[in-house]
Amino acid sequence: METVILDTGPLVAYLEAGEQAHAWAAEVFRGIQSPQLTCDAVLTEAYYLLAEHQRGTERLHELLARGVVVPVFDSSSHLDSVTGLMRRYADVPMSFADACLVRMTELLPDTRVFTLDSDFRIYRRHGRQAIPVLMPDAT
């Protein structure tokens, strides 16, 4: 079974109807079997972006409480790999959250990253493998 790794963009778009990609994110989100895996860095970004939207923040609390979205990545165990990825893609640049998600794809077989970030078409796992993605122009 394919595992979905959730990035910040579609999570925020799903939770906020005013976001440009809301309809697409909501449709894809409903079609994915739970749980959607993520990392604490993505949740930090999402909570920051949702800070002015109380309803979105509450809905994110609910997704976490129900186990629909599950943070599973311990960055402290993978700091060398994560910072190595950030150095490799410094010209993009690669965020800490993106590096954690790429590392997750290296650790979890049969995964796709649910994202709005076209940089995932540039990033490579294990140094050379394209990362399968769920994004608006890739569905």
N, C-alpha and C. Protein backbone atom coordinates (compact mmCIF):
# COMPACT_ATOMS: atom_id res chain seq x y z
N MET A 1 0.84 -1.19 0.00
CA MET A 1 0.00 0.00 0.00
C MET A 1 0.88 1.25 0.00
N GLU A 2 0.54 2.20 -0.83
CA GLU A 2 1.29 3.44 -0.93
C GLU A 2 1.07 4.30 0.32
N THR A 3 2.16 4.91 0.78
CA THR A 3 2.12 5.82 1.91
C THR A 3 2.16 7.24 1.39
N VAL A 4 1.33 8.11 1.95
CA VAL A 4 1.32 9.51 1.56
C VAL A 4 2.02 10.32 2.64
N ILE A 5 2.97 11.12 2.20
CA ILE A 5 3.71 12.03 3.09
C ILE A 5 3.21 13.43 2.79
N LEU A 6 2.70 14.09 3.81
CA LEU A 6 1.99 15.36 3.67
C LEU A 6 2.90 16.56 3.88
N ASP A 7 2.89 17.48 2.92
CA ASP A 7 3.63 18.73 3.00
C ASP A 7 2.70 19.85 3.48
N THR A 8 3.27 20.99 3.80
CA THR A 8 2.53 22.12 4.36
C THR A 8 1.48 22.68 3.40
N GLY A 9 1.85 22.88 2.15
CA GLY A 9 0.96 23.55 1.20
C GLY A 9 -0.42 22.95 1.09
N PRO A 10 -0.53 21.66 0.77
CA PRO A 10 -1.88 21.09 0.64
C PRO A 10 -2.61 20.99 1.98
N LEU A 11 -1.87 20.86 3.08
CA LEU A 11 -2.52 20.81 4.39
C LEU A 11 -3.21 22.14 4.68
N VAL A 12 -2.50 23.24 4.48
CA VAL A 12 -3.08 24.57 4.71
C VAL A 12 -4.19 24.84 3.70
N ALA A 13 -3.98 24.48 2.45
CA ALA A 13 -5.01 24.68 1.42
C ALA A 13 -6.28 23.90 1.76
N TYR A 14 -6.13 22.69 2.25
CA TYR A 14 -7.29 21.88 2.64
C TYR A 14 -8.06 22.53 3.80
N LEU A 15 -7.34 23.08 4.73
CA LEU A 15 -7.96 23.63 5.94
C LEU A 15 -8.54 25.03 5.76
N GLU A 16 -8.11 25.74 4.75
CA GLU A 16 -8.55 27.12 4.53
C GLU A 16 -9.21 27.27 3.16
N ALA A 17 -10.52 27.45 3.16
CA ALA A 17 -11.28 27.54 1.91
C ALA A 17 -10.84 28.71 1.04
N GLY A 18 -10.24 29.72 1.60
CA GLY A 18 -9.80 30.87 0.84
C GLY A 18 -8.49 30.66 0.08
N GLU A 19 -7.83 29.55 0.32
CA GLU A 19 -6.56 29.26 -0.36
C GLU A 19 -6.82 28.90 -1.83
N GLN A 20 -5.92 29.31 -2.69
CA GLN A 20 -6.07 29.09 -4.13
C GLN A 20 -6.24 27.62 -4.48
N ALA A 21 -5.50 26.74 -3.84
CA ALA A 21 -5.54 25.31 -4.16
C ALA A 21 -6.52 24.53 -3.29
N HIS A 22 -7.43 25.22 -2.62
CA HIS A 22 -8.33 24.54 -1.68
C HIS A 22 -9.14 23.41 -2.33
N ALA A 23 -9.79 23.68 -3.44
CA ALA A 23 -10.66 22.66 -4.06
C ALA A 23 -9.85 21.43 -4.44
N TRP A 24 -8.70 21.64 -5.05
CA TRP A 24 -7.85 20.51 -5.45
C TRP A 24 -7.38 19.74 -4.21
N ALA A 25 -6.87 20.45 -3.21
CA ALA A 25 -6.35 19.80 -2.01
C ALA A 25 -7.45 19.03 -1.29
N ALA A 26 -8.63 19.60 -1.20
CA ALA A 26 -9.75 18.94 -0.52
C ALA A 26 -10.13 17.66 -1.25
N GLU A 27 -10.19 17.70 -2.57
CA GLU A 27 -10.54 16.52 -3.35
C GLU A 27 -9.51 15.40 -3.16
N VAL A 28 -8.25 15.74 -3.24
CA VAL A 28 -7.20 14.74 -3.08
C VAL A 28 -7.17 14.24 -1.64
N PHE A 29 -7.29 15.14 -0.69
CA PHE A 29 -7.25 14.78 0.74
C PHE A 29 -8.32 13.74 1.05
N ARG A 30 -9.53 13.97 0.54
CA ARG A 30 -10.63 13.03 0.81
C ARG A 30 -10.40 11.66 0.16
N GLY A 31 -9.62 11.62 -0.91
CA GLY A 31 -9.37 10.36 -1.60
C GLY A 31 -8.21 9.55 -1.06
N ILE A 32 -7.50 10.10 -0.10
CA ILE A 32 -6.33 9.41 0.46
C ILE A 32 -6.74 8.67 1.72
N GLN A 33 -6.29 7.44 1.80
CA GLN A 33 -6.56 6.65 3.00
C GLN A 33 -5.66 7.15 4.13
N SER A 34 -6.25 7.32 5.32
CA SER A 34 -5.49 7.76 6.48
C SER A 34 -4.62 6.63 7.00
N PRO A 35 -3.58 6.93 7.72
CA PRO A 35 -3.12 8.27 8.05
C PRO A 35 -2.21 8.84 6.98
N GLN A 36 -2.13 10.16 6.97
CA GLN A 36 -1.14 10.85 6.16
C GLN A 36 0.01 11.19 7.10
N LEU A 37 1.19 10.78 6.71
CA LEU A 37 2.36 10.96 7.57
C LEU A 37 3.02 12.30 7.29
N THR A 38 3.61 12.87 8.31
CA THR A 38 4.30 14.14 8.15
C THR A 38 5.37 14.26 9.22
N CYS A 39 5.92 15.46 9.34
CA CYS A 39 6.96 15.72 10.33
C CYS A 39 6.57 16.96 11.14
N ASP A 40 7.23 17.15 12.26
CA ASP A 40 6.93 18.30 13.11
C ASP A 40 7.22 19.63 12.40
N ALA A 41 8.21 19.65 11.53
CA ALA A 41 8.54 20.89 10.81
C ALA A 41 7.38 21.33 9.93
N VAL A 42 6.70 20.39 9.29
CA VAL A 42 5.52 20.72 8.47
C VAL A 42 4.41 21.25 9.37
N LEU A 43 4.20 20.61 10.50
CA LEU A 43 3.16 21.08 11.41
C LEU A 43 3.46 22.48 11.92
N THR A 44 4.72 22.76 12.20
CA THR A 44 5.12 24.10 12.65
C THR A 44 4.79 25.13 11.58
N GLU A 45 5.15 24.83 10.34
CA GLU A 45 4.83 25.74 9.24
C GLU A 45 3.32 25.93 9.10
N ALA A 46 2.58 24.84 9.17
CA ALA A 46 1.12 24.91 9.01
C ALA A 46 0.48 25.74 10.12
N TYR A 47 0.86 25.49 11.37
CA TYR A 47 0.30 26.27 12.47
C TYR A 47 0.65 27.74 12.33
N TYR A 48 1.85 28.04 11.87
CA TYR A 48 2.25 29.43 11.66
C TYR A 48 1.36 30.08 10.59
N LEU A 49 1.17 29.40 9.47
CA LEU A 49 0.37 29.94 8.38
C LEU A 49 -1.11 30.04 8.73
N LEU A 50 -1.56 29.20 9.64
CA LEU A 50 -2.97 29.20 10.05
C LEU A 50 -3.23 30.07 11.27
N ALA A 51 -2.20 30.71 11.80
CA ALA A 51 -2.32 31.45 13.07
C ALA A 51 -3.45 32.48 13.06
N GLU A 52 -3.71 33.09 11.94
CA GLU A 52 -4.78 34.09 11.85
C GLU A 52 -6.13 33.48 11.50
N HIS A 53 -6.18 32.18 11.39
CA HIS A 53 -7.41 31.49 10.99
C HIS A 53 -7.78 30.47 12.07
N GLN A 54 -8.54 30.90 13.06
CA GLN A 54 -8.88 30.05 14.19
C GLN A 54 -9.55 28.75 13.75
N ARG A 55 -10.43 28.83 12.76
CA ARG A 55 -11.12 27.61 12.31
C ARG A 55 -10.13 26.62 11.71
N GLY A 56 -9.18 27.10 10.90
CA GLY A 56 -8.18 26.22 10.32
C GLY A 56 -7.31 25.58 11.38
N THR A 57 -6.92 26.36 12.38
CA THR A 57 -6.12 25.83 13.49
C THR A 57 -6.88 24.74 14.23
N GLU A 58 -8.15 24.99 14.51
CA GLU A 58 -8.97 23.98 15.20
C GLU A 58 -9.11 22.71 14.36
N ARG A 59 -9.30 22.87 13.07
CA ARG A 59 -9.43 21.70 12.19
C ARG A 59 -8.13 20.90 12.16
N LEU A 60 -6.99 21.59 12.21
CA LEU A 60 -5.71 20.88 12.27
C LEU A 60 -5.58 20.13 13.58
N HIS A 61 -5.98 20.75 14.69
CA HIS A 61 -5.99 20.03 15.98
C HIS A 61 -6.81 18.74 15.86
N GLU A 62 -7.97 18.83 15.20
CA GLU A 62 -8.86 17.67 15.06
C GLU A 62 -8.23 16.58 14.19
N LEU A 63 -7.59 16.97 13.08
CA LEU A 63 -6.94 15.97 12.21
C LEU A 63 -5.86 15.20 12.98
N LEU A 64 -5.13 15.91 13.80
CA LEU A 64 -4.09 15.27 14.61
C LEU A 64 -4.71 14.36 15.68
N ALA A 65 -5.73 14.85 16.35
CA ALA A 65 -6.38 14.07 17.41
C ALA A 65 -7.01 12.80 16.87
N ARG A 66 -7.57 12.86 15.66
CA ARG A 66 -8.22 11.69 15.05
C ARG A 66 -7.23 10.76 14.35
N GLY A 67 -5.97 11.15 14.27
CA GLY A 67 -4.97 10.30 13.62
C GLY A 67 -5.03 10.33 12.11
N VAL A 68 -5.66 11.35 11.54
CA VAL A 68 -5.72 11.50 10.09
C VAL A 68 -4.36 11.98 9.59
N VAL A 69 -3.76 12.89 10.33
CA VAL A 69 -2.41 13.38 10.08
C VAL A 69 -1.55 12.96 11.27
N VAL A 70 -0.43 12.29 10.97
CA VAL A 70 0.41 11.75 12.04
C VAL A 70 1.87 12.15 11.82
N PRO A 71 2.43 12.90 12.78
CA PRO A 71 3.87 13.20 12.68
C PRO A 71 4.66 11.97 13.13
N VAL A 72 5.50 11.45 12.24
CA VAL A 72 6.23 10.21 12.56
C VAL A 72 7.74 10.35 12.47
N PHE A 73 8.21 11.49 12.03
CA PHE A 73 9.64 11.64 11.75
C PHE A 73 10.35 12.31 12.91
N ASP A 74 11.42 11.67 13.40
CA ASP A 74 12.25 12.21 14.47
C ASP A 74 13.51 12.79 13.83
N SER A 75 13.53 14.09 13.64
CA SER A 75 14.65 14.73 12.95
C SER A 75 15.97 14.56 13.71
N SER A 76 15.90 14.44 15.03
CA SER A 76 17.15 14.31 15.80
C SER A 76 17.92 13.05 15.44
N SER A 77 17.22 12.03 14.97
CA SER A 77 17.87 10.78 14.57
C SER A 77 18.44 10.85 13.16
N HIS A 78 18.13 11.91 12.43
CA HIS A 78 18.52 12.00 11.01
C HIS A 78 19.13 13.36 10.66
N LEU A 79 19.68 14.05 11.64
CA LEU A 79 20.19 15.40 11.41
C LEU A 79 21.28 15.44 10.33
N ASP A 80 22.19 14.48 10.34
CA ASP A 80 23.25 14.48 9.32
C ASP A 80 22.66 14.39 7.91
N SER A 81 21.70 13.51 7.74
CA SER A 81 21.06 13.35 6.42
C SER A 81 20.27 14.59 6.04
N VAL A 82 19.51 15.13 6.98
CA VAL A 82 18.67 16.30 6.71
C VAL A 82 19.52 17.51 6.37
N THR A 83 20.54 17.78 7.17
CA THR A 83 21.38 18.94 6.89
C THR A 83 22.21 18.72 5.62
N GLY A 84 22.56 17.46 5.34
CA GLY A 84 23.26 17.15 4.09
C GLY A 84 22.40 17.47 2.89
N LEU A 85 21.12 17.15 2.96
CA LEU A 85 20.19 17.49 1.88
C LEU A 85 20.07 19.00 1.72
N MET A 86 19.99 19.71 2.83
CA MET A 86 19.87 21.17 2.78
C MET A 86 21.11 21.79 2.14
N ARG A 87 22.27 21.23 2.45
CA ARG A 87 23.51 21.72 1.82
C ARG A 87 23.51 21.42 0.32
N ARG A 88 23.11 20.23 -0.02
CA ARG A 88 23.10 19.82 -1.43
C ARG A 88 22.19 20.72 -2.27
N TYR A 89 21.05 21.09 -1.71
CA TYR A 89 20.07 21.89 -2.43
C TYR A 89 20.03 23.34 -1.94
N ALA A 90 21.14 23.85 -1.45
CA ALA A 90 21.21 25.23 -0.93
C ALA A 90 20.86 26.26 -2.00
N ASP A 91 21.11 25.93 -3.25
CA ASP A 91 20.81 26.87 -4.33
C ASP A 91 19.32 26.95 -4.65
N VAL A 92 18.51 26.00 -4.16
CA VAL A 92 17.07 26.01 -4.48
C VAL A 92 16.34 27.14 -3.73
N PRO A 93 16.45 27.39 -2.46
CA PRO A 93 17.00 26.61 -1.37
C PRO A 93 15.99 25.62 -0.83
N MET A 94 16.48 24.64 -0.07
CA MET A 94 15.64 23.62 0.55
C MET A 94 15.39 24.00 2.01
N SER A 95 14.12 23.99 2.40
CA SER A 95 13.77 24.27 3.79
C SER A 95 14.03 23.04 4.65
N PHE A 96 14.07 23.25 5.95
CA PHE A 96 14.23 22.14 6.88
C PHE A 96 13.08 21.15 6.73
N ALA A 97 11.86 21.66 6.59
CA ALA A 97 10.69 20.78 6.43
C ALA A 97 10.82 19.94 5.17
N ASP A 98 11.21 20.55 4.05
CA ASP A 98 11.37 19.80 2.81
C ASP A 98 12.44 18.72 2.96
N ALA A 99 13.53 19.05 3.62
CA ALA A 99 14.59 18.07 3.83
C ALA A 99 14.10 16.90 4.66
N CYS A 100 13.29 17.18 5.67
CA CYS A 100 12.72 16.10 6.48
C CYS A 100 11.81 15.21 5.64
N LEU A 101 11.00 15.81 4.77
CA LEU A 101 10.11 15.02 3.92
C LEU A 101 10.89 14.17 2.93
N VAL A 102 11.94 14.73 2.34
CA VAL A 102 12.76 13.94 1.42
C VAL A 102 13.39 12.77 2.18
N ARG A 103 13.88 13.03 3.37
CA ARG A 103 14.47 11.94 4.17
C ARG A 103 13.41 10.89 4.48
N MET A 104 12.19 11.31 4.76
CA MET A 104 11.12 10.34 5.01
C MET A 104 10.91 9.44 3.80
N THR A 105 10.99 10.00 2.59
CA THR A 105 10.82 9.17 1.38
C THR A 105 11.95 8.16 1.24
N GLU A 106 13.11 8.48 1.79
CA GLU A 106 14.23 7.55 1.74
C GLU A 106 14.05 6.41 2.72
N LEU A 107 13.34 6.67 3.80
CA LEU A 107 13.16 5.68 4.86
C LEU A 107 11.92 4.81 4.67
N LEU A 108 10.92 5.35 4.00
CA LEU A 108 9.64 4.65 3.85
C LEU A 108 9.45 4.22 2.39
N PRO A 109 9.37 2.94 2.12
CA PRO A 109 9.18 2.50 0.73
C PRO A 109 7.78 2.83 0.22
N ASP A 110 7.66 2.93 -1.09
CA ASP A 110 6.37 3.14 -1.74
C ASP A 110 5.63 4.35 -1.19
N THR A 111 6.26 5.53 -1.33
CA THR A 111 5.66 6.76 -0.83
C THR A 111 5.48 7.78 -1.94
N ARG A 112 4.55 8.69 -1.70
CA ARG A 112 4.36 9.87 -2.55
C ARG A 112 4.24 11.07 -1.63
N VAL A 113 4.80 12.18 -2.05
CA VAL A 113 4.70 13.42 -1.29
C VAL A 113 3.54 14.23 -1.84
N PHE A 114 2.59 14.53 -0.98
CA PHE A 114 1.42 15.35 -1.29
C PHE A 114 1.84 16.80 -1.08
N THR A 115 2.06 17.54 -2.17
CA THR A 115 2.68 18.85 -2.08
C THR A 115 2.16 19.80 -3.15
N LEU A 116 2.39 21.06 -2.93
CA LEU A 116 2.17 22.10 -3.94
C LEU A 116 3.51 22.65 -4.41
N ASP A 117 4.59 22.18 -3.84
CA ASP A 117 5.94 22.71 -4.02
C ASP A 117 6.64 22.03 -5.21
N SER A 118 6.81 22.78 -6.28
CA SER A 118 7.45 22.21 -7.48
C SER A 118 8.92 21.85 -7.25
N ASP A 119 9.52 22.30 -6.17
CA ASP A 119 10.90 21.92 -5.86
C ASP A 119 11.04 20.41 -5.67
N PHE A 120 9.95 19.74 -5.34
CA PHE A 120 10.02 18.28 -5.18
C PHE A 120 10.27 17.58 -6.52
N ARG A 121 10.15 18.30 -7.61
CA ARG A 121 10.53 17.75 -8.92
C ARG A 121 12.05 17.84 -9.12
N ILE A 122 12.70 18.71 -8.36
CA ILE A 122 14.15 18.89 -8.42
C ILE A 122 14.84 17.95 -7.44
N TYR A 123 14.31 17.87 -6.24
CA TYR A 123 14.91 17.04 -5.19
C TYR A 123 15.00 15.59 -5.61
N ARG A 124 15.99 14.90 -5.09
CA ARG A 124 16.18 13.47 -5.36
C ARG A 124 16.38 12.74 -4.03
N ARG A 125 15.78 11.56 -3.93
CA ARG A 125 16.03 10.73 -2.76
C ARG A 125 17.15 9.76 -3.10
N HIS A 126 17.90 9.40 -2.11
CA HIS A 126 19.06 8.52 -2.28
C HIS A 126 20.01 9.07 -3.34
N GLY A 127 20.02 10.40 -3.49
CA GLY A 127 20.96 11.04 -4.38
C GLY A 127 20.57 11.13 -5.84
N ARG A 128 19.70 10.23 -6.32
CA ARG A 128 19.42 10.23 -7.76
C ARG A 128 18.00 9.84 -8.15
N GLN A 129 17.20 9.36 -7.21
CA GLN A 129 15.85 8.89 -7.55
C GLN A 129 14.82 10.01 -7.45
N ALA A 130 14.03 10.17 -8.50
CA ALA A 130 12.94 11.14 -8.46
C ALA A 130 11.97 10.77 -7.34
N ILE A 131 11.37 11.78 -6.78
CA ILE A 131 10.41 11.58 -5.67
C ILE A 131 9.02 11.59 -6.25
N PRO A 132 8.26 10.51 -6.09
CA PRO A 132 6.87 10.51 -6.56
C PRO A 132 6.05 11.56 -5.79
N VAL A 133 5.24 12.31 -6.51
CA VAL A 133 4.48 13.39 -5.90
C VAL A 133 3.01 13.33 -6.30
N LEU A 134 2.21 13.91 -5.43
CA LEU A 134 0.82 14.24 -5.73
C LEU A 134 0.80 15.76 -5.74
N MET A 135 0.68 16.36 -6.91
CA MET A 135 0.59 17.82 -7.01
C MET A 135 -0.35 18.17 -8.14
N PRO A 136 -0.86 19.39 -8.15
CA PRO A 136 -1.92 19.73 -9.11
C PRO A 136 -1.65 19.36 -10.55
N ASP A 137 -0.48 19.57 -11.05
CA ASP A 137 -0.22 19.25 -12.46
C ASP A 137 0.32 17.84 -12.66
N ALA A 138 0.35 17.04 -11.59
CA ALA A 138 0.86 15.67 -11.68
C ALA A 138 -0.22 14.64 -11.45
N THR A 139 -1.46 15.07 -11.22
CA THR A 139 -2.52 14.11 -10.93
C THR A 139 -3.27 13.72 -12.18
